[in-house]
PDB file of N, CA and C in Angstrom:
ATOM      1  N   MET A   1     -32.641 -67.459   5.143  1.00  0.00           N
ATOM      2  CA  MET A   1     -31.651 -66.844   5.982  1.00  0.00           C
ATOM      3  C   MET A   1     -30.349 -67.656   5.890  1.00  0.00           C
ATOM      4  N   SER A   2     -29.239 -67.011   5.542  1.00  0.00           N
ATOM      5  CA  SER A   2     -27.964 -67.723   5.430  1.00  0.00           C
ATOM      6  C   SER A   2     -27.237 -67.737   6.766  1.00  0.00           C
ATOM      7  N   HIS A   3     -26.424 -68.707   6.894  1.00  0.00           N
ATOM      8  CA  HIS A   3     -25.660 -68.844   8.136  1.00  0.00           C
ATOM      9  C   HIS A   3     -24.331 -68.116   7.975  1.00  0.00           C
ATOM     10  N   PRO A   4     -23.931 -67.297   8.948  1.00  0.00           N
ATOM     11  CA  PRO A   4     -22.652 -66.587   8.866  1.00  0.00           C
ATOM     12  C   PRO A   4     -21.469 -67.532   8.757  1.00  0.00           C
ATOM     13  N   ALA A   5     -21.558 -68.724   9.307  1.00  0.00           N
ATOM     14  CA  ALA A   5     -20.449 -69.677   9.245  1.00  0.00           C
ATOM     15  C   ALA A   5     -20.204 -70.115   7.810  1.00  0.00           C
ATOM     16  N   SER A   6     -21.238 -70.291   7.006  1.00  0.00           N
ATOM     17  CA  SER A   6     -21.046 -70.715   5.622  1.00  0.00           C
ATOM     18  C   SER A   6     -20.441 -69.600   4.784  1.00  0.00           C
ATOM     19  N   VAL A   7     -20.791 -68.367   5.065  1.00  0.00           N
ATOM     20  CA  VAL A   7     -20.193 -67.229   4.354  1.00  0.00           C
ATOM     21  C   VAL A   7     -18.719 -67.129   4.710  1.00  0.00           C
ATOM     22  N   SER A   8     -18.406 -67.294   5.979  1.00  0.00           N
ATOM     23  CA  SER A   8     -17.021 -67.239   6.433  1.00  0.00           C
ATOM     24  C   SER A   8     -16.202 -68.359   5.809  1.00  0.00           C
ATOM     25  N   ASN A   9     -16.769 -69.568   5.715  1.00  0.00           N
ATOM     26  CA  ASN A   9     -16.059 -70.687   5.100  1.00  0.00           C
ATOM     27  C   ASN A   9     -15.797 -70.424   3.623  1.00  0.00           C
ATOM     28  N   GLY A  10     -16.746 -69.788   2.933  1.00  0.00           N
ATOM     29  CA  GLY A  10     -16.551 -69.443   1.521  1.00  0.00           C
ATOM     30  C   GLY A  10     -15.426 -68.445   1.333  1.00  0.00           C
ATOM     31  N   ARG A  11     -15.392 -67.454   2.207  1.00  0.00           N
ATOM     32  CA  ARG A  11     -14.318 -66.453   2.138  1.00  0.00           C
ATOM     33  C   ARG A  11     -12.971 -67.075   2.493  1.00  0.00           C
ATOM     34  N   ASP A  12     -12.962 -67.949   3.483  1.00  0.00           N
ATOM     35  CA  ASP A  12     -11.720 -68.625   3.866  1.00  0.00           C
ATOM     36  C   ASP A  12     -11.155 -69.424   2.696  1.00  0.00           C
ATOM     37  N   GLY A  13     -12.046 -70.101   1.965  1.00  0.00           N
ATOM     38  CA  GLY A  13     -11.603 -70.864   0.798  1.00  0.00           C
ATOM     39  C   GLY A  13     -11.042 -69.959  -0.279  1.00  0.00           C
ATOM     40  N   LEU A  14     -11.674 -68.811  -0.482  1.00  0.00           N
ATOM     41  CA  LEU A  14     -11.198 -67.843  -1.480  1.00  0.00           C
ATOM     42  C   LEU A  14      -9.827 -67.287  -1.090  1.00  0.00           C
ATOM     43  N   VAL A  15      -9.675 -66.945   0.178  1.00  0.00           N
ATOM     44  CA  VAL A  15      -8.388 -66.429   0.661  1.00  0.00           C
ATOM     45  C   VAL A  15      -7.306 -67.502   0.551  1.00  0.00           C
ATOM     46  N   ALA A  16      -7.620 -68.730   0.910  1.00  0.00           N
ATOM     47  CA  ALA A  16      -6.648 -69.822   0.811  1.00  0.00           C
ATOM     48  C   ALA A  16      -6.249 -70.054  -0.644  1.00  0.00           C
ATOM     49  N   GLY A  17      -7.210 -69.981  -1.555  1.00  0.00           N
ATOM     50  CA  GLY A  17      -6.895 -70.147  -2.979  1.00  0.00           C
ATOM     51  C   GLY A  17      -6.010 -69.027  -3.499  1.00  0.00           C
ATOM     52  N   ALA A  18      -6.290 -67.795  -3.061  1.00  0.00           N
ATOM     53  CA  ALA A  18      -5.471 -66.651  -3.485  1.00  0.00           C
ATOM     54  C   ALA A  18      -4.044 -66.788  -2.964  1.00  0.00           C
ATOM     55  N   ILE A  19      -3.894 -67.226  -1.721  1.00  0.00           N
ATOM     56  CA  ILE A  19      -2.552 -67.418  -1.146  1.00  0.00           C
ATOM     57  C   ILE A  19      -1.815 -68.528  -1.901  1.00  0.00           C
ATOM     58  N   ALA A  20      -2.510 -69.621  -2.202  1.00  0.00           N
ATOM     59  CA  ALA A  20      -1.875 -70.714  -2.945  1.00  0.00           C
ATOM     60  C   ALA A  20      -1.435 -70.247  -4.330  1.00  0.00           C
ATOM     61  N   ALA A  21      -2.275 -69.459  -5.001  1.00  0.00           N
ATOM     62  CA  ALA A  21      -1.914 -68.943  -6.325  1.00  0.00           C
ATOM     63  C   ALA A  21      -0.699 -68.025  -6.229  1.00  0.00           C
ATOM     64  N   LEU A  22      -0.656 -67.191  -5.196  1.00  0.00           N
ATOM     65  CA  LEU A  22       0.487 -66.291  -5.005  1.00  0.00           C
ATOM     66  C   LEU A  22       1.774 -67.074  -4.778  1.00  0.00           C
ATOM     67  N   VAL A  23       1.704 -68.140  -4.008  1.00  0.00           N
ATOM     68  CA  VAL A  23       2.881 -68.983  -3.756  1.00  0.00           C
ATOM     69  C   VAL A  23       3.346 -69.625  -5.067  1.00  0.00           C
ATOM     70  N   VAL A  24       2.408 -70.139  -5.847  1.00  0.00           N
ATOM     71  CA  VAL A  24       2.773 -70.780  -7.124  1.00  0.00           C
ATOM     72  C   VAL A  24       3.430 -69.774  -8.060  1.00  0.00           C
ATOM     73  N   VAL A  25       2.871 -68.580  -8.182  1.00  0.00           N
ATOM     74  CA  VAL A  25       3.456 -67.547  -9.055  1.00  0.00           C
ATOM     75  C   VAL A  25       4.844 -67.162  -8.568  1.00  0.00           C
ATOM     76  N   THR A  26       5.018 -67.021  -7.255  1.00  0.00           N
ATOM     77  CA  THR A  26       6.334 -66.664  -6.704  1.00  0.00           C
ATOM     78  C   THR A  26       7.368 -67.737  -7.012  1.00  0.00           C
ATOM     79  N   VAL A  27       7.020 -69.000  -6.856  1.00  0.00           N
ATOM     80  CA  VAL A  27       7.943 -70.096  -7.152  1.00  0.00           C
ATOM     81  C   VAL A  27       8.280 -70.130  -8.633  1.00  0.00           C
ATOM     82  N   LEU A  28       7.287 -69.911  -9.493  1.00  0.00           N
ATOM     83  CA  LEU A  28       7.552 -69.896 -10.936  1.00  0.00           C
ATOM     84  C   LEU A  28       8.484 -68.754 -11.332  1.00  0.00           C
ATOM     85  N   ILE A  29       8.264 -67.576 -10.765  1.00  0.00           N
ATOM     86  CA  ILE A  29       9.145 -66.439 -11.064  1.00  0.00           C
ATOM     87  C   ILE A  29      10.563 -66.744 -10.606  1.00  0.00           C
ATOM     88  N   GLY A  30      10.711 -67.324  -9.412  1.00  0.00           N
ATOM     89  CA  GLY A  30      12.041 -67.678  -8.907  1.00  0.00           C
ATOM     90  C   GLY A  30      12.737 -68.698  -9.782  1.00  0.00           C
ATOM     91  N   GLY A  31      11.969 -69.642 -10.331  1.00  0.00           N
ATOM     92  CA  GLY A  31      12.563 -70.671 -11.191  1.00  0.00           C
ATOM     93  C   GLY A  31      12.910 -70.167 -12.574  1.00  0.00           C
ATOM     94  N   LEU A  32      12.181 -69.177 -13.066  1.00  0.00           N
ATOM     95  CA  LEU A  32      12.409 -68.678 -14.421  1.00  0.00           C
ATOM     96  C   LEU A  32      13.360 -67.492 -14.475  1.00  0.00           C
ATOM     97  N   ALA A  33      13.585 -66.830 -13.351  1.00  0.00           N
ATOM     98  CA  ALA A  33      14.477 -65.671 -13.326  1.00  0.00           C
ATOM     99  C   ALA A  33      15.918 -66.113 -13.578  1.00  0.00           C
ATOM    100  N   PRO A  34      16.699 -65.280 -14.258  1.00  0.00           N
ATOM    101  CA  PRO A  34      18.098 -65.657 -14.500  1.00  0.00           C
ATOM    102  C   PRO A  34      18.880 -65.710 -13.194  1.00  0.00           C
ATOM    103  N   GLY A  35      19.848 -66.623 -13.138  1.00  0.00           N
ATOM    104  CA  GLY A  35      20.666 -66.789 -11.948  1.00  0.00           C
ATOM    105  C   GLY A  35      21.763 -65.741 -11.871  1.00  0.00           C
ATOM    106  N   ALA A  36      22.508 -65.793 -10.788  1.00  0.00           N
ATOM    107  CA  ALA A  36      23.638 -64.889 -10.604  1.00  0.00           C
ATOM    108  C   ALA A  36      24.720 -65.227 -11.628  1.00  0.00           C
ATOM    109  N   PRO A  37      25.478 -64.228 -12.061  1.00  0.00           N
ATOM    110  CA  PRO A  37      26.547 -64.515 -13.014  1.00  0.00           C
ATOM    111  C   PRO A  37      27.610 -65.412 -12.390  1.00  0.00           C
ATOM    112  N   ALA A  38      28.290 -66.163 -13.218  1.00  0.00           N
ATOM    113  CA  ALA A  38      29.341 -67.057 -12.737  1.00  0.00           C
ATOM    114  C   ALA A  38      30.466 -66.248 -12.093  1.00  0.00           C
ATOM    115  N   HIS A  39      31.044 -66.816 -11.038  1.00  0.00           N
ATOM    116  CA  HIS A  39      32.151 -66.151 -10.348  1.00  0.00           C
ATOM    117  C   HIS A  39      33.368 -66.103 -11.256  1.00  0.00           C
ATOM    118  N   ARG A  40      34.014 -64.970 -11.276  1.00  0.00           N
ATOM    119  CA  ARG A  40      35.254 -64.847 -12.026  1.00  0.00           C
ATOM    120  C   ARG A  40      36.239 -64.009 -11.228  1.00  0.00           C
ATOM    121  N   ALA A  41      37.482 -64.161 -11.528  1.00  0.00           N
ATOM    122  CA  ALA A  41      38.522 -63.443 -10.807  1.00  0.00           C
ATOM    123  C   ALA A  41      38.374 -61.940 -11.033  1.00  0.00           C
ATOM    124  N   ALA A  42      38.935 -61.134 -10.127  1.00  0.00           N
ATOM    125  CA  ALA A  42      38.850 -59.678 -10.253  1.00  0.00           C
ATOM    126  C   ALA A  42      39.431 -59.202 -11.582  1.00  0.00           C
ATOM    127  N   VAL A  43      40.511 -59.799 -12.011  1.00  0.00           N
ATOM    128  CA  VAL A  43      41.130 -59.525 -13.302  1.00  0.00           C
ATOM    129  C   VAL A  43      41.398 -60.878 -13.939  1.00  0.00           C
ATOM    130  N   LEU A  44      41.026 -61.023 -15.183  1.00  0.00           N
ATOM    131  CA  LEU A  44      41.295 -62.295 -15.850  1.00  0.00           C
ATOM    132  C   LEU A  44      42.802 -62.508 -15.965  1.00  0.00           C
ATOM    133  N   PRO A  45      43.302 -63.672 -15.609  1.00  0.00           N
ATOM    134  CA  PRO A  45      44.742 -63.932 -15.662  1.00  0.00           C
ATOM    135  C   PRO A  45      45.322 -63.719 -17.057  1.00  0.00           C
ATOM    136  N   SER A  46      44.564 -63.945 -18.091  1.00  0.00           N
ATOM    137  CA  SER A  46      45.084 -63.781 -19.452  1.00  0.00           C
ATOM    138  C   SER A  46      45.319 -62.316 -19.808  1.00  0.00           C
ATOM    139  N   GLU A  47      44.748 -61.395 -19.044  1.00  0.00           N
ATOM    140  CA  GLU A  47      44.929 -59.972 -19.359  1.00  0.00           C
ATOM    141  C   GLU A  47      46.317 -59.454 -18.995  1.00  0.00           C
ATOM    142  N   ASP A  48      46.915 -59.961 -17.933  1.00  0.00           N
ATOM    143  CA  ASP A  48      48.223 -59.464 -17.491  1.00  0.00           C
ATOM    144  C   ASP A  48      48.989 -60.608 -16.830  1.00  0.00           C
ATOM    145  N   ALA A  49      49.767 -61.314 -17.616  1.00  0.00           N
ATOM    146  CA  ALA A  49      50.492 -62.483 -17.105  1.00  0.00           C
ATOM    147  C   ALA A  49      51.552 -62.112 -16.065  1.00  0.00           C
ATOM    148  N   ALA A  50      52.027 -60.864 -16.044  1.00  0.00           N
ATOM    149  CA  ALA A  50      53.043 -60.445 -15.080  1.00  0.00           C
ATOM    150  C   ALA A  50      52.443 -60.098 -13.716  1.00  0.00           C
ATOM    151  N   CYS A  51      51.140 -59.995 -13.630  1.00  0.00           N
ATOM    152  CA  CYS A  51      50.491 -59.672 -12.354  1.00  0.00           C
ATOM    153  C   CYS A  51      50.286 -60.965 -11.570  1.00  0.00           C
ATOM    154  N   ALA A  52      50.962 -61.069 -10.413  1.00  0.00           N
ATOM    155  CA  ALA A  52      50.890 -62.279  -9.600  1.00  0.00           C
ATOM    156  C   ALA A  52      49.798 -62.197  -8.537  1.00  0.00           C
ATOM    157  N   GLU A  53      49.376 -60.978  -8.184  1.00  0.00           N
ATOM    158  CA  GLU A  53      48.334 -60.798  -7.176  1.00  0.00           C
ATOM    159  C   GLU A  53      47.559 -59.533  -7.498  1.00  0.00           C
ATOM    160  N   TRP A  54      46.233 -59.622  -7.449  1.00  0.00           N
ATOM    161  CA  TRP A  54      45.412 -58.461  -7.756  1.00  0.00           C
ATOM    162  C   TRP A  54      44.186 -58.452  -6.862  1.00  0.00           C
ATOM    163  N   SER A  55      43.527 -57.297  -6.799  1.00  0.00           N
ATOM    164  CA  SER A  55      42.365 -57.158  -5.931  1.00  0.00           C
ATOM    165  C   SER A  55      41.399 -56.135  -6.506  1.00  0.00           C
ATOM    166  N   ASP A  56      40.125 -56.310  -6.173  1.00  0.00           N
ATOM    167  CA  ASP A  56      39.104 -55.321  -6.508  1.00  0.00           C
ATOM    168  C   ASP A  56      38.578 -54.651  -5.240  1.00  0.00           C
ATOM    169  N   GLY A  57      39.309 -54.795  -4.138  1.00  0.00           N
ATOM    170  CA  GLY A  57      38.902 -54.228  -2.865  1.00  0.00           C
ATOM    171  C   GLY A  57      38.023 -55.166  -2.056  1.00  0.00           C
ATOM    172  N   CYS A  58      37.511 -56.199  -2.687  1.00  0.00           N
ATOM    173  CA  CYS A  58      36.665 -57.186  -2.004  1.00  0.00           C
ATOM    174  C   CYS A  58      37.333 -58.554  -1.986  1.00  0.00           C
ATOM    175  N   ARG A  59      37.945 -58.906  -3.088  1.00  0.00           N
ATOM    176  CA  ARG A  59      38.625 -60.198  -3.226  1.00  0.00           C
ATOM    177  C   ARG A  59      40.096 -59.943  -3.512  1.00  0.00           C
ATOM    178  N   VAL A  60      40.910 -60.871  -3.075  1.00  0.00           N
ATOM    179  CA  VAL A  60      42.324 -60.878  -3.430  1.00  0.00           C
ATOM    180  C   VAL A  60      42.565 -62.165  -4.203  1.00  0.00           C
ATOM    181  N   CYS A  61      43.154 -62.048  -5.374  1.00  0.00           N
ATOM    182  CA  CYS A  61      43.448 -63.214  -6.205  1.00  0.00           C
ATOM    183  C   CYS A  61      44.949 -63.326  -6.389  1.00  0.00           C
ATOM    184  N   GLN A  62      45.428 -64.573  -6.397  1.00  0.00           N
ATOM    185  CA  GLN A  62      46.853 -64.844  -6.598  1.00  0.00           C
ATOM    186  C   GLN A  62      47.015 -65.906  -7.669  1.00  0.00           C
ATOM    187  N   ARG A  63      48.048 -65.726  -8.477  1.00  0.00           N
ATOM    188  CA  ARG A  63      48.380 -66.702  -9.505  1.00  0.00           C
ATOM    189  C   ARG A  63      49.542 -67.543  -8.999  1.00  0.00           C
ATOM    190  N   SER A  64      49.436 -68.864  -9.145  1.00  0.00           N
ATOM    191  CA  SER A  64      50.522 -69.769  -8.785  1.00  0.00           C
ATOM    192  C   SER A  64      50.649 -70.816  -9.882  1.00  0.00           C
ATOM    193  N   ASP A  65      51.589 -71.731  -9.710  1.00  0.00           N
ATOM    194  CA  ASP A  65      51.757 -72.805 -10.696  1.00  0.00           C
ATOM    195  C   ASP A  65      50.503 -73.678 -10.794  1.00  0.00           C
ATOM    196  N   ALA A  66      49.742 -73.761  -9.694  1.00  0.00           N
ATOM    197  CA  ALA A  66      48.526 -74.580  -9.669  1.00  0.00           C
ATOM    198  C   ALA A  66      47.334 -73.873 -10.309  1.00  0.00           C
ATOM    199  N   GLY A  67      47.451 -72.580 -10.554  1.00  0.00           N
ATOM    200  CA  GLY A  67      46.352 -71.820 -11.155  1.00  0.00           C
ATOM    201  C   GLY A  67      46.053 -70.575 -10.343  1.00  0.00           C
ATOM    202  N   VAL A  68      44.858 -70.041 -10.517  1.00  0.00           N
ATOM    203  CA  VAL A  68      44.446 -68.820  -9.831  1.00  0.00           C
ATOM    204  C   VAL A  68      43.552 -69.186  -8.657  1.00  0.00           C
ATOM    205  N   ALA A  69      43.795 -68.544  -7.513  1.00  0.00           N
ATOM    206  CA  ALA A  69      42.965 -68.740  -6.327  1.00  0.00           C
ATOM    207  C   ALA A  69      42.551 -67.363  -5.815  1.00  0.00           C
ATOM    208  N   CYS A  70      41.272 -67.235  -5.469  1.00  0.00           N
ATOM    209  CA  CYS A  70      40.745 -65.955  -4.984  1.00  0.00           C
ATOM    210  C   CYS A  70      40.069 -66.146  -3.633  1.00  0.00           C
ATOM    211  N   SER A  71      40.155 -65.113  -2.813  1.00  0.00           N
ATOM    212  CA  SER A  71      39.453 -65.122  -1.538  1.00  0.00           C
ATOM    213  C   SER A  71      37.973 -64.845  -1.789  1.00  0.00           C
ATOM    214  N   LEU A  72      37.153 -65.059  -0.777  1.00  0.00           N
ATOM    215  CA  LEU A  72      35.722 -64.756  -0.882  1.00  0.00           C
ATOM    216  C   LEU A  72      35.491 -63.310  -0.471  1.00  0.00           C
ATOM    217  N   PRO A  73      34.554 -62.616  -1.130  1.00  0.00           N
ATOM    218  CA  PRO A  73      34.285 -61.223  -0.764  1.00  0.00           C
ATOM    219  C   PRO A  73      33.499 -61.139   0.534  1.00  0.00           C
ATOM    220  N   GLY A  74      33.621 -60.012   1.196  1.00  0.00           N
ATOM    221  CA  GLY A  74      32.835 -59.777   2.400  1.00  0.00           C
ATOM    222  C   GLY A  74      31.366 -59.607   2.036  1.00  0.00           C
ATOM    223  N   ILE A  75      30.502 -59.725   3.023  1.00  0.00           N
ATOM    224  CA  ILE A  75      29.061 -59.715   2.760  1.00  0.00           C
ATOM    225  C   ILE A  75      28.566 -58.364   2.238  1.00  0.00           C
ATOM    226  N   ALA A  76      29.158 -57.272   2.648  1.00  0.00           N
ATOM    227  CA  ALA A  76      28.680 -55.955   2.232  1.00  0.00           C
ATOM    228  C   ALA A  76      29.713 -55.215   1.393  1.00  0.00           C
ATOM    229  N   CYS A  77      30.592 -55.932   0.749  1.00  0.00           N
ATOM    230  CA  CYS A  77      31.666 -55.313  -0.012  1.00  0.00           C
ATOM    231  C   CYS A  77      31.154 -54.813  -1.355  1.00  0.00           C
ATOM    232  N   VAL A  78      31.615 -53.639  -1.745  1.00  0.00           N
ATOM    233  CA  VAL A  78      31.298 -53.073  -3.059  1.00  0.00           C
ATOM    234  C   VAL A  78      32.602 -53.040  -3.845  1.00  0.00           C
ATOM    235  N   PRO A  79      32.721 -53.865  -4.888  1.00  0.00           N
ATOM    236  CA  PRO A  79      33.979 -53.937  -5.619  1.00  0.00           C
ATOM    237  C   PRO A  79      34.314 -52.646  -6.358  1.00  0.00           C
ATOM    238  N   ALA A  80      35.598 -52.376  -6.450  1.00  0.00           N
ATOM    239  CA  ALA A  80      36.109 -51.228  -7.202  1.00  0.00           C
ATOM    240  C   ALA A  80      36.802 -51.766  -8.455  1.00  0.00           C
ATOM    241  N   ALA A  81      37.407 -50.899  -9.192  1.00  0.00           N
ATOM    242  CA  ALA A  81      38.158 -51.325 -10.373  1.00  0.00           C
ATOM    243  C   ALA A  81      39.330 -52.186  -9.916  1.00  0.00           C
ATOM    244  N   PRO A  82      39.513 -53.358 -10.512  1.00  0.00           N
ATOM    245  CA  PRO A  82      40.621 -54.222 -10.094  1.00  0.00           C
ATOM    246  C   PRO A  82      41.977 -53.578 -10.385  1.00  0.00           C
ATOM    247  N   ARG A  83      42.935 -53.866  -9.503  1.00  0.00           N
ATOM    248  CA  ARG A  83      44.296 -53.357  -9.716  1.00  0.00           C
ATOM    249  C   ARG A  83      45.305 -54.417  -9.302  1.00  0.00           C
ATOM    250  N   CYS A  84      46.443 -54.386  -9.932  1.00  0.00           N
ATOM    251  CA  CYS A  84      47.502 -55.338  -9.633  1.00  0.00           C
ATOM    252  C   CYS A  84      48.199 -54.918  -8.356  1.00  0.00           C
ATOM    253  N   ALA A  85      48.370 -55.846  -7.422  1.00  0.00           N
ATOM    254  CA  ALA A  85      49.017 -55.538  -6.143  1.00  0.00           C
ATOM    255  C   ALA A  85      50.463 -56.030  -6.100  1.00  0.00           C
ATOM    256  N   ARG A  86      50.789 -57.073  -6.898  1.00  0.00           N
ATOM    257  CA  ARG A  86      52.163 -57.590  -6.909  1.00  0.00           C
ATOM    258  C   ARG A  86      52.460 -58.136  -8.288  1.00  0.00           C
ATOM    259  N   ARG A  87      53.575 -57.726  -8.826  1.00  0.00           N
ATOM    260  CA  ARG A  87      54.002 -58.177 -10.154  1.00  0.00           C
ATOM    261  C   ARG A  87      55.200 -59.103 -10.044  1.00  0.00           C
ATOM    262  N   VAL A  88      55.364 -59.966 -11.013  1.00  0.00           N
ATOM    263  CA  VAL A  88      56.538 -60.829 -11.091  1.00  0.00           C
ATOM    264  C   VAL A  88      57.348 -60.409 -12.292  1.00  0.00           C
ATOM    265  N   GLY A  89      58.620 -60.674 -12.228  1.00  0.00           N
ATOM    266  CA  GLY A  89      59.497 -60.330 -13.345  1.00  0.00           C
ATOM    267  C   GLY A  89      59.914 -58.869 -13.298  1.00  0.00           C
ATOM    268  N   GLY A  90      60.584 -58.442 -14.349  1.00  0.00           N
ATOM    269  CA  GLY A  90      61.159 -57.108 -14.373  1.00  0.00           C
ATOM    270  C   GLY A  90      60.356 -56.152 -15.057  1.00  0.00           C
TER     271      GLY A  90
END
């Protein structure tokens, strides 16, 4: 006659092992999955040197003597096609 406690302990060990294996697989997938693409301006500055400020509806970027600076997008923003908002020169 087997004891119900020993059967329960065997199942508990099996469940704990399955959970541990699931955690290991999840961590491995997270480590091997490709990361997010590098942040880049809404429009590359080299594309239109006369554009001093541009936006994709989520970020606003400005060109200055120090370089390009962009705002951070909102949490639920869906970017649109970038457009120039302010031009310099004639």
